[in-house]
């Protein structure tokens, strides 16, 4: 059985961010279905949780499509049961959990300390009528106007912050790039920002499985007027999506997001309208990513930190399931300290916190690392060369050229290091330079970085949404046109604006971006790079993030015979961010 990074053991810990315990000052007052008027006449509905007392307070705002009135335990019962079973004391510290919504903050933990919490149903979802179109420019403009609305309310001090996971994080990147004057700080917690590269097309390969499952399960069930929804508002007993509409009206009042993605295989204007210019983001930023968020959000949090124009920005990388870290006390204290500083002007020393806070994964737990830069300044960029003759990875480049071939939809081929003699840490971005050829006019590369213990068992991790390997990367070779201005030696950036088909049998040198990672290999452990033309298996677990739409990946073109060339004049290597062990 594969080993898993389950219950986290913290070892060799450095300083961590914690705010001082504050005596609760306020009781909570709830105002439901508050109207929020948009410039075009649309009315969105908000729930406002605020201190029941005089004063003006900083506001934590979230707007999204998952239903402001759908309780976590009702809409996401398996996740709720898992969270409360593993952390039975989570709601015994002043919170009952009664107002908890999926991927949103818990108002009972924030309001007593002097914050207003506002959650708004996006246009076309929950109790907000209109056309449902996730990630759209119209939705982002609504968010801009909602921020201005919140800042004008009598309970607001005029400073608004944004906080939430996944969808609620993606929307933060989008609206922050519009520069709302009232926006004071954002904390996108596990949320991508490049709708093409992070969400829909990994390396140009359509990631179809997750959007197709997500659309009916998490979006359509919350469409405004969906009378089929079984969810009821726990406070009022009313339908959480408003009065029922006919199936014809529902179908005509929404986009078809999975089909929109399929219809746009290149990074075109449709994606440009939904992918923010990160350099325009100027507000203070806390970007919180998850090493286990492969194929969903991990890349976005790192890219967001690197590329945002904010002068005051922090990167915090953690482990565990994505709904777990957000609610545990040590992470909530981090969030509060950040927002207390920027929304309530608290002199709590946040500005002195190291800009990079990392949880370093190990087979025996995690350790904490702090720095002022990313990638880490002590990084030793190390090339491990592929050797096709011995199927090995080693620092010395093979003198003679060799090749290994595999059927694209098979298990592929793997290259392994010898067992390490001491601890070997990699933390940062990485890239695989490969010399490849295909028997057809195209080729998809699925590159997986793995870890095997002395007994031969592979270590898998409890990822953000599914079990994961150390990390992974993807590239459609016909999408090999680089954006030279945006590329870095350790992170290629492809334009994805036109396919350049292959000549069968011709050799091409390509760089495959593997998403950032962190892991310490212990003595006796081996690092392995697997290359194949399909998604890697995770033994014993069903994958949620898959790339198998036949319209995007026909067997005739992508099921050919693939070849990797190594040694001699074929520079196939893995560039690793090696961190010297202390």
Protein backbone atom coordinates (compact mmCIF):
# COMPACT_ATOMS: atom_id res chain seq x y z
CA UNK A 1 0.00 0.00 0.00
CA UNK A 2 1.27 3.52 -0.78
CA UNK A 3 2.29 5.64 2.16
CA UNK A 4 0.25 8.80 2.67
CA UNK A 5 0.88 12.14 4.33
CA UNK A 6 -2.17 11.87 6.57
CA UNK A 7 -2.18 13.26 10.09
CA UNK A 8 0.49 15.92 10.03
CA UNK A 9 3.35 15.75 12.50
CA UNK A 10 5.22 19.03 12.94
CA UNK A 11 8.94 18.70 13.50
CA UNK A 12 12.01 20.92 13.49
CA UNK A 13 9.71 23.91 13.60
CA UNK A 14 10.81 27.49 13.20
CA UNK A 15 8.71 30.52 14.21
CA UNK A 16 5.11 30.53 13.05
CA UNK A 17 2.63 33.36 12.58
CA UNK A 18 0.16 33.63 15.46
CA UNK A 19 -1.81 36.59 16.63
CA UNK A 20 -2.29 37.14 20.34
CA UNK A 21 -5.50 35.83 21.86
CA UNK A 22 -8.08 38.62 22.02
CA UNK A 23 -11.02 38.69 24.41
CA UNK A 24 -14.24 38.57 22.38
CA UNK A 25 -15.78 42.05 22.41
CA UNK A 26 -19.00 41.72 20.41
CA UNK A 27 -22.00 39.46 19.95
CA UNK A 28 -23.14 38.61 16.43
CA UNK A 29 -26.04 40.18 14.55
CA UNK A 30 -27.23 38.63 11.26
CA UNK A 31 -29.03 40.52 8.49
CA UNK A 32 -30.26 38.18 5.74
CA UNK A 33 -30.94 38.79 2.04
CA UNK A 34 -29.75 42.39 2.13
CA UNK A 35 -30.20 43.93 -1.37
CA UNK A 36 -27.02 45.03 -3.16
CA UNK A 37 -27.89 47.14 -6.22
CA UNK A 38 -25.72 46.95 -9.34
CA UNK A 39 -25.30 49.80 -11.82
CA UNK A 40 -27.32 47.96 -14.49
CA UNK A 41 -30.32 47.54 -12.18
CA UNK A 42 -29.65 43.98 -11.06
CA UNK A 43 -30.13 43.19 -7.36
CA UNK A 44 -27.80 40.74 -5.64
CA UNK A 45 -28.53 39.36 -2.20
CA UNK A 46 -26.12 39.38 0.74
CA UNK A 47 -25.94 38.01 4.27
CA UNK A 48 -24.31 40.46 6.66
CA UNK A 49 -22.83 39.21 9.94
CA UNK A 50 -21.78 42.17 12.05
CA UNK A 51 -20.97 43.16 15.61
CA UNK A 52 -24.12 43.96 17.57
CA UNK A 53 -22.90 47.27 18.83
CA UNK A 54 -21.88 50.77 17.87
CA UNK A 55 -18.88 51.41 15.68
CA UNK A 56 -17.45 51.01 12.21
CA UNK A 57 -15.48 47.91 11.37
CA UNK A 58 -13.31 46.36 8.70
CA UNK A 59 -15.23 44.09 6.33
CA UNK A 60 -14.37 40.58 5.13
CA UNK A 61 -16.25 40.06 1.86
CA UNK A 62 -16.76 37.01 -0.35
CA UNK A 63 -18.92 36.69 -3.45
CA UNK A 64 -19.49 33.41 -5.26
CA UNK A 65 -21.79 30.76 -6.70
CA UNK A 66 -21.99 28.13 -3.95
CA UNK A 67 -24.96 29.52 -2.03
CA UNK A 68 -24.73 31.94 0.88
CA UNK A 69 -27.52 30.05 2.67
CA UNK A 70 -26.33 26.49 2.13
CA UNK A 71 -24.75 25.14 5.27
CA UNK A 72 -21.44 23.32 4.88
CA UNK A 73 -22.90 20.21 6.55
CA UNK A 74 -25.84 20.08 4.13
CA UNK A 75 -24.17 20.89 0.81
CA UNK A 76 -20.85 19.09 1.45
CA UNK A 77 -21.68 16.44 4.01
CA UNK A 78 -18.76 14.02 3.29
CA UNK A 79 -16.25 16.84 3.72
CA UNK A 80 -18.05 18.12 6.82
CA UNK A 81 -18.08 14.66 8.38
CA UNK A 82 -14.40 14.21 7.58
CA UNK A 83 -13.44 17.58 9.04
CA UNK A 84 -15.42 17.20 12.25
CA UNK A 85 -14.32 13.57 12.74
CA UNK A 86 -10.62 14.40 12.47
CA UNK A 87 -10.91 17.64 14.46
CA UNK A 88 -13.70 16.98 17.01
CA UNK A 89 -12.84 20.12 19.04
CA UNK A 90 -13.00 22.46 16.03
CA UNK A 91 -16.35 23.95 17.04
CA UNK A 92 -15.88 24.08 20.79
CA UNK A 93 -13.97 27.35 20.99
CA UNK A 94 -16.84 29.81 20.72
CA UNK A 95 -18.13 28.74 17.30
CA UNK A 96 -21.10 26.45 16.81
CA UNK A 97 -20.44 26.08 13.08
CA UNK A 98 -24.09 26.96 12.33
CA UNK A 99 -23.16 29.73 9.87
CA UNK A 100 -20.31 27.93 8.18
CA UNK A 101 -20.47 27.92 4.39
CA UNK A 102 -18.28 25.96 1.99
CA UNK A 103 -14.92 27.70 1.46
CA UNK A 104 -15.99 30.82 3.39
CA UNK A 105 -14.91 32.16 6.77
CA UNK A 106 -16.78 31.25 9.93
CA UNK A 107 -18.58 34.45 11.06
CA UNK A 108 -18.68 33.27 14.68
CA UNK A 109 -14.88 33.38 14.74
CA UNK A 110 -14.54 36.83 13.17
CA UNK A 111 -17.41 39.04 14.29
CA UNK A 112 -16.60 38.90 18.04
CA UNK A 113 -13.15 40.33 17.27
CA UNK A 114 -14.50 43.39 15.48
CA UNK A 115 -14.98 42.34 11.85
CA UNK A 116 -18.03 42.44 9.59
CA UNK A 117 -18.44 39.33 7.43
CA UNK A 118 -20.42 39.68 4.20
CA UNK A 119 -21.20 36.85 1.77
CA UNK A 120 -23.02 37.58 -1.51
CA UNK A 121 -24.67 35.27 -4.02
CA UNK A 122 -23.19 35.99 -7.46
CA UNK A 123 -25.56 36.98 -10.23
CA UNK A 124 -27.63 33.98 -11.28
CA UNK A 125 -26.88 31.94 -8.14
CA UNK A 126 -28.61 31.45 -4.80
CA UNK A 127 -31.06 34.29 -4.21
CA UNK A 128 -29.48 36.65 -6.77
CA UNK A 129 -31.45 36.66 -10.06
CA UNK A 130 -29.72 36.99 -13.41
CA UNK A 131 -27.58 35.18 -15.96
CA UNK A 132 -25.23 32.64 -14.38
CA UNK A 133 -21.79 32.89 -15.96
CA UNK A 134 -18.90 31.83 -13.67
CA UNK A 135 -15.59 33.73 -13.87
CA UNK A 136 -17.09 36.17 -16.38
CA UNK A 137 -16.20 39.88 -16.71
CA UNK A 138 -19.80 40.74 -15.73
CA UNK A 139 -19.46 38.82 -12.48
CA UNK A 140 -16.14 40.54 -11.77
CA UNK A 141 -17.68 43.96 -12.39
CA UNK A 142 -20.46 43.02 -9.95
CA UNK A 143 -17.79 42.23 -7.38
CA UNK A 144 -16.16 45.63 -7.95
CA UNK A 145 -19.50 47.33 -7.28
CA UNK A 146 -20.21 45.12 -4.26
CA UNK A 147 -16.92 46.20 -2.67
CA UNK A 148 -17.93 49.85 -3.10
CA UNK A 149 -21.37 49.07 -1.62
CA UNK A 150 -19.88 47.41 1.47
CA UNK A 151 -17.52 50.32 2.08
CA UNK A 152 -20.46 52.78 2.10
CA UNK A 153 -22.53 50.99 4.75
CA UNK A 154 -22.95 52.57 8.19
CA UNK A 155 -21.24 49.62 9.89
CA UNK A 156 -18.14 49.86 7.66
CA UNK A 157 -14.94 51.78 8.29
CA UNK A 158 -14.50 52.02 4.51
CA UNK A 159 -11.85 49.30 4.26
CA UNK A 160 -12.79 45.99 2.62
CA UNK A 161 -10.76 42.76 2.51
CA UNK A 162 -11.41 39.61 0.48
CA UNK A 163 -10.94 36.08 1.85
CA UNK A 164 -12.06 32.62 0.72
CA UNK A 165 -10.96 29.36 -0.87
CA UNK A 166 -10.93 28.20 -4.49
CA UNK A 167 -13.71 29.97 -6.42
CA UNK A 168 -13.74 32.70 -3.79
CA UNK A 169 -9.98 33.05 -4.25
CA UNK A 170 -10.04 33.08 -8.07
CA UNK A 171 -12.53 35.96 -7.96
CA UNK A 172 -10.17 37.89 -5.67
CA UNK A 173 -7.40 37.89 -8.27
CA UNK A 174 -9.89 38.99 -10.93
CA UNK A 175 -11.47 41.88 -9.08
CA UNK A 176 -8.26 43.11 -7.44
CA UNK A 177 -6.82 43.72 -10.92
CA UNK A 178 -9.67 46.22 -11.48
CA UNK A 179 -8.29 48.21 -8.51
CA UNK A 180 -11.45 49.01 -6.51
CA UNK A 181 -10.55 52.12 -4.43
CA UNK A 182 -12.13 50.66 -1.29
CA UNK A 183 -10.23 47.36 -1.46
CA UNK A 184 -7.63 47.26 1.32
CA UNK A 185 -6.20 43.70 1.19
CA UNK A 186 -6.80 40.24 -0.28
CA UNK A 187 -5.98 36.69 0.84
CA UNK A 188 -6.67 34.22 -2.01
CA UNK A 189 -6.53 30.87 -0.20
CA UNK A 190 -5.77 28.11 -2.71
CA UNK A 191 -7.01 29.78 -5.87
CA UNK A 192 -5.64 29.87 -9.41
CA UNK A 193 -5.70 33.01 -11.52
CA UNK A 194 -4.81 31.96 -15.09
CA UNK A 195 -8.04 30.39 -16.31
CA UNK A 196 -6.24 28.68 -19.18
CA UNK A 197 -3.02 27.39 -17.56
CA UNK A 198 -4.28 26.81 -14.00
CA UNK A 199 -7.83 25.64 -14.59
CA UNK A 200 -8.75 24.42 -18.05
CA UNK A 201 -5.70 23.45 -20.16
CA UNK A 202 -2.60 22.14 -18.42
CA UNK A 203 0.29 22.64 -20.82
CA UNK A 204 -2.34 23.00 -23.56
CA UNK A 205 -4.10 19.69 -22.66
CA UNK A 206 -7.80 20.02 -21.82
CA UNK A 207 -8.46 19.14 -18.15
CA UNK A 208 -12.05 18.07 -18.69
CA UNK A 209 -12.95 15.77 -15.81
CA UNK A 210 -13.02 18.29 -12.98
CA UNK A 211 -15.05 21.05 -14.73
CA UNK A 212 -17.58 18.51 -16.02
CA UNK A 213 -18.15 17.10 -12.53
CA UNK A 214 -17.99 20.51 -10.81
CA UNK A 215 -20.59 22.15 -13.06
CA UNK A 216 -23.69 20.10 -12.09
CA UNK A 217 -22.58 19.19 -8.57
CA UNK A 218 -21.51 22.61 -7.26
CA UNK A 219 -22.84 25.20 -9.72
CA UNK A 220 -26.14 24.18 -11.29
CA UNK A 221 -27.52 22.96 -7.97
CA UNK A 222 -27.17 26.58 -6.78
CA UNK A 223 -28.54 28.33 -9.86
CA UNK A 224 -31.15 30.92 -8.94
CA UNK A 225 -34.59 29.39 -9.39
CA UNK A 226 -33.41 25.78 -9.33
CA UNK A 227 -36.46 24.18 -7.79
CA UNK A 228 -34.72 20.80 -7.79
CA UNK A 229 -32.34 21.93 -5.08
CA UNK A 230 -32.97 20.01 -1.86
CA UNK A 231 -31.23 22.61 0.29
CA UNK A 232 -33.16 24.71 2.77
CA UNK A 233 -32.00 27.77 4.63
CA UNK A 234 -31.44 26.59 8.22
CA UNK A 235 -32.49 30.00 9.56
CA UNK A 236 -35.71 30.50 7.59
CA UNK A 237 -36.57 27.08 6.16
CA UNK A 238 -36.87 28.67 2.70
CA UNK A 239 -35.49 27.35 -0.58
CA UNK A 240 -31.87 28.54 -0.75
CA UNK A 241 -32.09 29.37 -4.46
CA UNK A 242 -35.31 31.40 -4.42
CA UNK A 243 -38.59 30.68 -6.20
CA UNK A 244 -38.48 27.83 -8.73
CA UNK A 245 -38.15 28.54 -12.46
CA UNK A 246 -38.94 26.21 -15.35
CA UNK A 247 -36.24 24.05 -16.88
CA UNK A 248 -36.49 26.12 -20.07
CA UNK A 249 -35.87 29.39 -18.21
CA UNK A 250 -33.04 27.84 -16.20
CA UNK A 251 -31.29 26.55 -19.33
CA UNK A 252 -31.61 29.88 -21.11
CA UNK A 253 -30.39 31.84 -18.13
CA UNK A 254 -26.90 30.37 -17.82
CA UNK A 255 -23.73 29.67 -19.72
CA UNK A 256 -22.39 26.16 -20.29
CA UNK A 257 -18.98 26.47 -18.70
CA UNK A 258 -17.51 23.02 -19.55
CA UNK A 259 -18.52 23.48 -23.19
CA UNK A 260 -17.12 27.02 -23.21
CA UNK A 261 -13.77 25.56 -22.15
CA UNK A 262 -13.93 22.86 -24.83
CA UNK A 263 -14.77 25.42 -27.51
CA UNK A 264 -11.66 27.43 -26.69
CA UNK A 265 -8.64 25.09 -26.98
CA UNK A 266 -6.20 28.01 -27.31
CA UNK A 267 -5.42 30.88 -24.95
CA UNK A 268 -7.60 33.34 -26.84
CA UNK A 269 -9.61 36.49 -26.06
CA UNK A 270 -12.21 34.49 -24.11
CA UNK A 271 -9.55 33.51 -21.56
CA UNK A 272 -7.92 36.94 -21.63
CA UNK A 273 -11.23 38.43 -20.45
CA UNK A 274 -11.19 36.03 -17.49
CA UNK A 275 -7.49 36.04 -16.58
CA UNK A 276 -6.32 39.13 -14.67
CA UNK A 277 -3.21 41.14 -15.34
CA UNK A 278 -1.46 40.38 -12.06
CA UNK A 279 0.82 43.38 -12.33
CA UNK A 280 -2.26 45.60 -11.83
CA UNK A 281 -2.84 44.17 -8.35
CA UNK A 282 -1.43 46.67 -5.87
CA UNK A 283 -3.18 45.96 -2.56
CA UNK A 284 -1.48 44.01 0.25
CA UNK A 285 -1.57 40.31 -0.58
CA UNK A 286 -1.43 37.08 1.41
CA UNK A 287 -1.27 34.25 -1.14
CA UNK A 288 -1.88 30.89 0.56
CA UNK A 289 -1.22 27.81 -1.56
CA UNK A 290 -1.24 24.06 -1.03
CA UNK A 291 1.59 21.79 -2.21
CA UNK A 292 -1.08 19.15 -2.87
CA UNK A 293 -3.13 21.38 -5.20
CA UNK A 294 -1.73 19.93 -8.42
CA UNK A 295 -3.83 20.60 -11.48
CA UNK A 296 -6.13 23.05 -9.72
CA UNK A 297 -4.78 26.00 -7.69
CA UNK A 298 -1.16 25.50 -6.62
CA UNK A 299 0.44 27.19 -9.62
CA UNK A 300 -1.84 30.22 -9.31
CA UNK A 301 -0.87 31.01 -5.74
CA UNK A 302 2.83 30.94 -6.53
CA UNK A 303 2.47 32.88 -9.81
CA UNK A 304 0.18 35.36 -8.07
CA UNK A 305 2.78 36.06 -5.41
CA UNK A 306 5.59 36.37 -7.95
CA UNK A 307 3.77 38.53 -10.47
CA UNK A 308 1.44 40.73 -8.41
CA UNK A 309 2.39 44.40 -8.43
CA UNK A 310 1.81 44.66 -4.67
CA UNK A 311 4.75 45.98 -2.67
CA UNK A 312 3.41 44.32 0.49
CA UNK A 313 2.91 40.66 -0.31
CA UNK A 314 3.38 37.33 1.43
CA UNK A 315 3.46 33.70 0.27
CA UNK A 316 2.28 30.98 2.64
CA UNK A 317 2.46 27.34 1.43
CA UNK A 318 0.80 24.64 3.49
CA UNK A 319 -0.28 20.98 3.37
CA UNK A 320 -3.49 19.02 3.93
CA UNK A 321 -6.94 19.09 2.39
CA UNK A 322 -8.02 22.48 1.11
CA UNK A 323 -10.97 22.86 3.47
CA UNK A 324 -8.85 21.72 6.40
CA UNK A 325 -6.14 24.35 6.63
CA UNK A 326 -8.56 27.23 6.18
CA UNK A 327 -10.49 26.47 9.39
CA UNK A 328 -7.83 25.22 11.81
CA UNK A 329 -7.03 27.71 14.59
CA UNK A 330 -3.40 28.35 13.65
CA UNK A 331 -4.39 29.31 10.12
CA UNK A 332 -7.34 31.44 11.22
CA UNK A 333 -4.98 33.37 13.50
CA UNK A 334 -2.75 34.06 10.48
CA UNK A 335 -5.71 35.36 8.49
CA UNK A 336 -6.90 37.54 11.36
CA UNK A 337 -3.52 39.07 12.01
CA UNK A 338 -3.17 40.02 8.34
CA UNK A 339 -6.63 41.57 8.07
CA UNK A 340 -6.60 43.18 11.51
CA UNK A 341 -3.51 45.06 10.38
CA UNK A 342 -4.88 46.25 7.04
CA UNK A 343 -8.60 46.64 7.79
CA UNK A 344 -8.60 47.79 11.42
CA UNK A 345 -5.15 49.42 11.43
CA UNK A 346 -3.97 47.20 14.29
CA UNK A 347 -0.32 47.71 15.27
CA UNK A 348 0.29 43.97 15.55
CA UNK A 349 3.65 43.69 13.79
CA UNK A 350 2.34 41.96 10.68
CA UNK A 351 4.53 44.10 8.42
CA UNK A 352 7.62 42.53 10.01
CA UNK A 353 6.62 38.95 9.19
CA UNK A 354 8.93 37.14 6.72
CA UNK A 355 7.52 37.40 3.20
CA UNK A 356 7.71 33.64 2.54
CA UNK A 357 6.32 31.06 5.01
CA UNK A 358 6.60 27.41 3.96
CA UNK A 359 5.58 24.05 5.38
CA UNK A 360 8.30 21.68 4.15
CA UNK A 361 7.02 18.13 3.55
CA UNK A 362 8.93 15.13 4.86
CA UNK A 363 8.04 11.43 5.10
CA UNK A 364 7.92 11.84 8.88
CA UNK A 365 5.98 15.13 9.09
CA UNK A 366 6.59 18.76 8.21
CA UNK A 367 9.03 21.47 9.23
CA UNK A 368 8.65 25.22 8.92
CA UNK A 369 10.79 27.52 6.82
CA UNK A 370 10.84 31.30 6.56
CA UNK A 371 12.51 33.47 3.95
CA UNK A 372 12.30 36.85 2.28
CA UNK A 373 12.28 35.59 -1.32
CA UNK A 374 10.86 33.02 -3.71
CA UNK A 375 12.49 30.92 -5.06
CA UNK A 376 14.49 30.51 -1.88
CA UNK A 377 17.82 32.39 -2.10
CA UNK A 378 19.82 29.33 -0.99
CA UNK A 379 18.51 27.26 -3.91
CA UNK A 380 21.15 25.23 -5.73
CA UNK A 381 19.80 24.65 -9.23
CA UNK A 382 20.79 21.08 -9.98
CA UNK A 383 20.49 19.12 -13.21
CA UNK A 384 19.81 15.40 -13.07
CA UNK A 385 20.30 13.91 -16.52
CA UNK A 386 18.08 11.19 -17.95
CA UNK A 387 19.89 8.02 -19.02
CA UNK A 388 17.80 5.88 -21.38
CA UNK A 389 20.23 2.95 -21.28
CA UNK A 390 20.01 2.47 -17.52
CA UNK A 391 16.69 4.28 -16.90
CA UNK A 392 18.49 6.39 -14.33
CA UNK A 393 18.70 10.03 -13.20
CA UNK A 394 22.18 11.22 -12.29
CA UNK A 395 24.23 14.44 -12.19
CA UNK A 396 26.61 13.31 -14.93
CA UNK A 397 25.40 13.63 -18.52
CA UNK A 398 25.59 10.31 -20.42
CA UNK A 399 28.28 10.42 -23.10
CA UNK A 400 26.38 8.35 -25.63
CA UNK A 401 23.02 9.02 -27.12
CA UNK A 402 20.28 6.50 -26.35
CA UNK A 403 16.51 6.31 -26.68
CA UNK A 404 13.50 4.76 -24.98
CA UNK A 405 10.10 4.41 -26.63
CA UNK A 406 6.63 3.77 -25.22
CA UNK A 407 3.03 3.64 -26.34
CA UNK A 408 1.42 6.96 -25.42
CA UNK A 409 -1.50 5.51 -23.45
CA UNK A 410 0.62 2.94 -21.61
CA UNK A 411 2.31 3.34 -18.23
CA UNK A 412 5.18 5.03 -20.04
CA UNK A 413 8.77 5.04 -18.84
CA UNK A 414 10.47 6.06 -15.61
CA UNK A 415 13.91 7.31 -14.61
CA UNK A 416 15.12 6.89 -11.03
CA UNK A 417 17.99 8.14 -8.91
CA UNK A 418 20.09 5.80 -6.84
CA UNK A 419 19.06 5.73 -3.16
CA UNK A 420 20.13 8.96 -1.47
CA UNK A 421 22.92 8.73 1.08
CA UNK A 422 21.64 11.67 3.11
CA UNK A 423 18.66 13.99 3.23
CA UNK A 424 17.88 15.53 -0.17
CA UNK A 425 15.45 18.47 -0.21
CA UNK A 426 13.76 20.02 -3.21
CA UNK A 427 11.67 23.16 -2.61
CA UNK A 428 10.66 25.44 -5.44
CA UNK A 429 9.75 25.41 -9.13
CA UNK A 430 11.22 22.82 -11.48
CA UNK A 431 11.36 21.94 -15.17
CA UNK A 432 12.09 18.90 -17.34
CA UNK A 433 14.04 19.53 -20.57
CA UNK A 434 13.23 16.62 -22.89
CA UNK A 435 14.27 15.59 -26.39
CA UNK A 436 11.20 13.87 -27.83
CA UNK A 437 9.74 12.45 -31.02
CA UNK A 438 6.36 10.99 -31.95
CA UNK A 439 5.14 8.62 -34.63
CA UNK A 440 2.16 10.97 -35.14
CA UNK A 441 1.67 14.69 -35.66
CA UNK A 442 1.31 15.49 -31.96
CA UNK A 443 2.33 14.30 -28.51
CA UNK A 444 1.11 14.93 -24.97
CA UNK A 445 3.65 14.72 -22.16
CA UNK A 446 2.49 13.86 -18.64
CA UNK A 447 5.53 14.19 -16.33
CA UNK A 448 5.21 12.98 -12.73
CA UNK A 449 7.77 13.44 -9.96
CA UNK A 450 7.56 10.65 -7.38
CA UNK A 451 9.13 9.46 -4.12
CA UNK A 452 9.88 5.86 -3.13
CA UNK A 453 10.98 4.67 0.29
CA UNK A 454 13.65 2.06 1.04
CA UNK A 455 11.04 -0.71 0.98
CA UNK A 456 9.89 0.20 -2.53
CA UNK A 457 6.57 1.79 -1.54
CA UNK A 458 5.63 5.08 -3.14
CA UNK A 459 4.65 7.99 -0.91
CA UNK A 460 1.41 9.70 -1.85
CA UNK A 461 0.11 12.89 -0.28
CA UNK A 462 -3.24 14.00 1.05
CA UNK A 463 -3.72 16.66 -1.60
CA UNK A 464 -6.07 19.59 -1.77
CA UNK A 465 -8.77 17.60 -3.58
CA UNK A 466 -7.25 14.17 -4.30
CA UNK A 467 -4.21 12.00 -3.54
CA UNK A 468 -1.15 13.34 -5.31
CA UNK A 469 2.44 12.49 -6.17
CA UNK A 470 5.29 14.85 -5.26
CA UNK A 471 4.32 17.02 -8.23
CA UNK A 472 3.39 16.85 -11.90
CA UNK A 473 3.60 18.78 -15.17
CA UNK A 474 2.10 18.66 -18.63
CA UNK A 475 2.84 19.78 -22.19
CA UNK A 476 1.26 19.31 -25.60
CA UNK A 477 4.30 19.38 -27.87
CA UNK A 478 2.45 21.22 -30.65
CA UNK A 479 2.07 24.07 -28.08
CA UNK A 480 5.83 24.43 -27.71
CA UNK A 481 6.01 28.10 -28.78
CA UNK A 482 7.55 29.92 -25.82
CA UNK A 483 6.81 33.42 -24.64
CA UNK A 484 10.46 34.37 -24.22
CA UNK A 485 9.68 37.55 -22.29
CA UNK A 486 7.58 35.78 -19.68
CA UNK A 487 9.71 32.61 -19.34
CA UNK A 488 12.24 32.00 -16.58
CA UNK A 489 15.04 29.40 -16.54
CA UNK A 490 13.07 27.35 -14.00
CA UNK A 491 9.55 28.15 -15.30
CA UNK A 492 8.79 28.14 -19.03
CA UNK A 493 5.76 30.12 -20.20
CA UNK A 494 4.07 28.99 -23.39
CA UNK A 495 1.85 31.20 -25.55
CA UNK A 496 -0.71 28.51 -26.42
CA UNK A 497 -1.93 30.68 -29.28
CA UNK A 498 -1.41 28.33 -32.24
CA UNK A 499 -0.71 24.61 -32.73
CA UNK A 500 2.55 23.75 -34.48
CA UNK A 501 2.10 20.15 -35.57
CA UNK A 502 4.97 17.68 -35.47
CA UNK A 503 6.70 15.91 -38.31
CA UNK A 504 6.54 12.20 -37.36
CA UNK A 505 9.96 10.94 -36.29
CA UNK A 506 11.51 14.41 -35.99
CA UNK A 507 13.17 15.27 -32.66
CA UNK A 508 12.04 18.33 -30.68
CA UNK A 509 13.58 19.83 -27.54
CA UNK A 510 10.91 21.05 -25.12
CA UNK A 511 10.71 22.31 -21.54
CA UNK A 512 7.94 20.85 -19.40
CA UNK A 513 6.85 23.01 -16.48
CA UNK A 514 6.34 20.93 -13.34
CA UNK A 515 4.32 22.73 -10.72
CA UNK A 516 6.23 23.97 -7.64
CA UNK A 517 6.77 21.50 -4.84
CA UNK A 518 8.54 20.75 -1.59
CA UNK A 519 9.76 17.42 -0.23
CA UNK A 520 12.69 16.06 1.76
CA UNK A 521 13.90 12.63 0.57
CA UNK A 522 15.42 10.73 3.50
CA UNK A 523 18.47 8.45 3.31
CA UNK A 524 17.63 5.34 1.29
CA UNK A 525 14.80 7.07 -0.59
CA UNK A 526 14.72 7.46 -4.39
CA UNK A 527 13.42 10.22 -6.65
CA UNK A 528 11.67 9.07 -9.82
CA UNK A 529 10.49 10.91 -12.94
CA UNK A 530 7.77 9.11 -14.91
CA UNK A 531 6.84 10.17 -18.45
CA UNK A 532 3.76 8.96 -20.28
CA UNK A 533 1.01 10.12 -22.60
CA UNK A 534 -1.87 9.93 -20.15
CA UNK A 535 -2.71 10.75 -16.56
CA UNK A 536 -0.63 8.87 -14.01
CA UNK A 537 -2.47 6.35 -11.87
CA UNK A 538 -2.81 6.81 -8.13
CA UNK A 539 -3.05 3.23 -6.80
CA UNK A 540 -6.12 2.65 -4.70
CA UNK A 541 -7.71 6.03 -5.44
CA UNK A 542 -9.92 7.51 -8.16
CA UNK A 543 -8.54 10.58 -9.88
CA UNK A 544 -10.67 13.74 -10.10
CA UNK A 545 -8.38 15.83 -12.28
CA UNK A 546 -8.10 14.01 -15.61
CA UNK A 547 -7.45 14.88 -19.26
CA UNK A 548 -9.35 12.44 -21.44
CA UNK A 549 -11.86 14.30 -23.61
CA UNK A 550 -11.78 12.42 -26.96
CA UNK A 551 -12.45 15.65 -28.83
CA UNK A 552 -9.21 17.01 -27.45
CA UNK A 553 -7.15 13.79 -27.42
CA UNK A 554 -8.03 11.43 -30.24
CA UNK A 555 -6.26 8.06 -30.17
CA UNK A 556 -5.31 8.49 -33.82
CA UNK A 557 -3.17 11.54 -33.08
CA UNK A 558 -2.24 11.21 -29.40
CA UNK A 559 -2.02 7.44 -29.07
CA UNK A 560 1.16 7.03 -31.09
CA UNK A 561 4.61 5.71 -30.30
CA UNK A 562 6.63 8.25 -28.28
CA UNK A 563 10.40 8.37 -27.84
CA UNK A 564 12.67 10.10 -25.33
CA UNK A 565 16.30 10.70 -26.36
CA UNK A 566 19.07 11.09 -23.78
CA UNK A 567 22.82 11.65 -23.68
CA UNK A 568 25.15 12.84 -26.39
CA UNK A 569 23.59 15.82 -28.18
CA UNK A 570 20.15 15.25 -26.61
CA UNK A 571 19.98 17.41 -23.46
CA UNK A 572 17.29 15.59 -21.52
CA UNK A 573 17.49 16.58 -17.86
CA UNK A 574 15.46 17.48 -14.79
CA UNK A 575 16.26 20.88 -13.25
CA UNK A 576 15.69 20.68 -9.50
CA UNK A 577 15.61 23.39 -6.77
CA UNK A 578 17.89 21.65 -4.28
CA UNK A 579 18.02 23.20 -0.80
CA UNK A 580 21.16 22.49 1.25
CA UNK A 581 20.22 20.67 4.44
CA UNK A 582 21.13 22.41 7.65
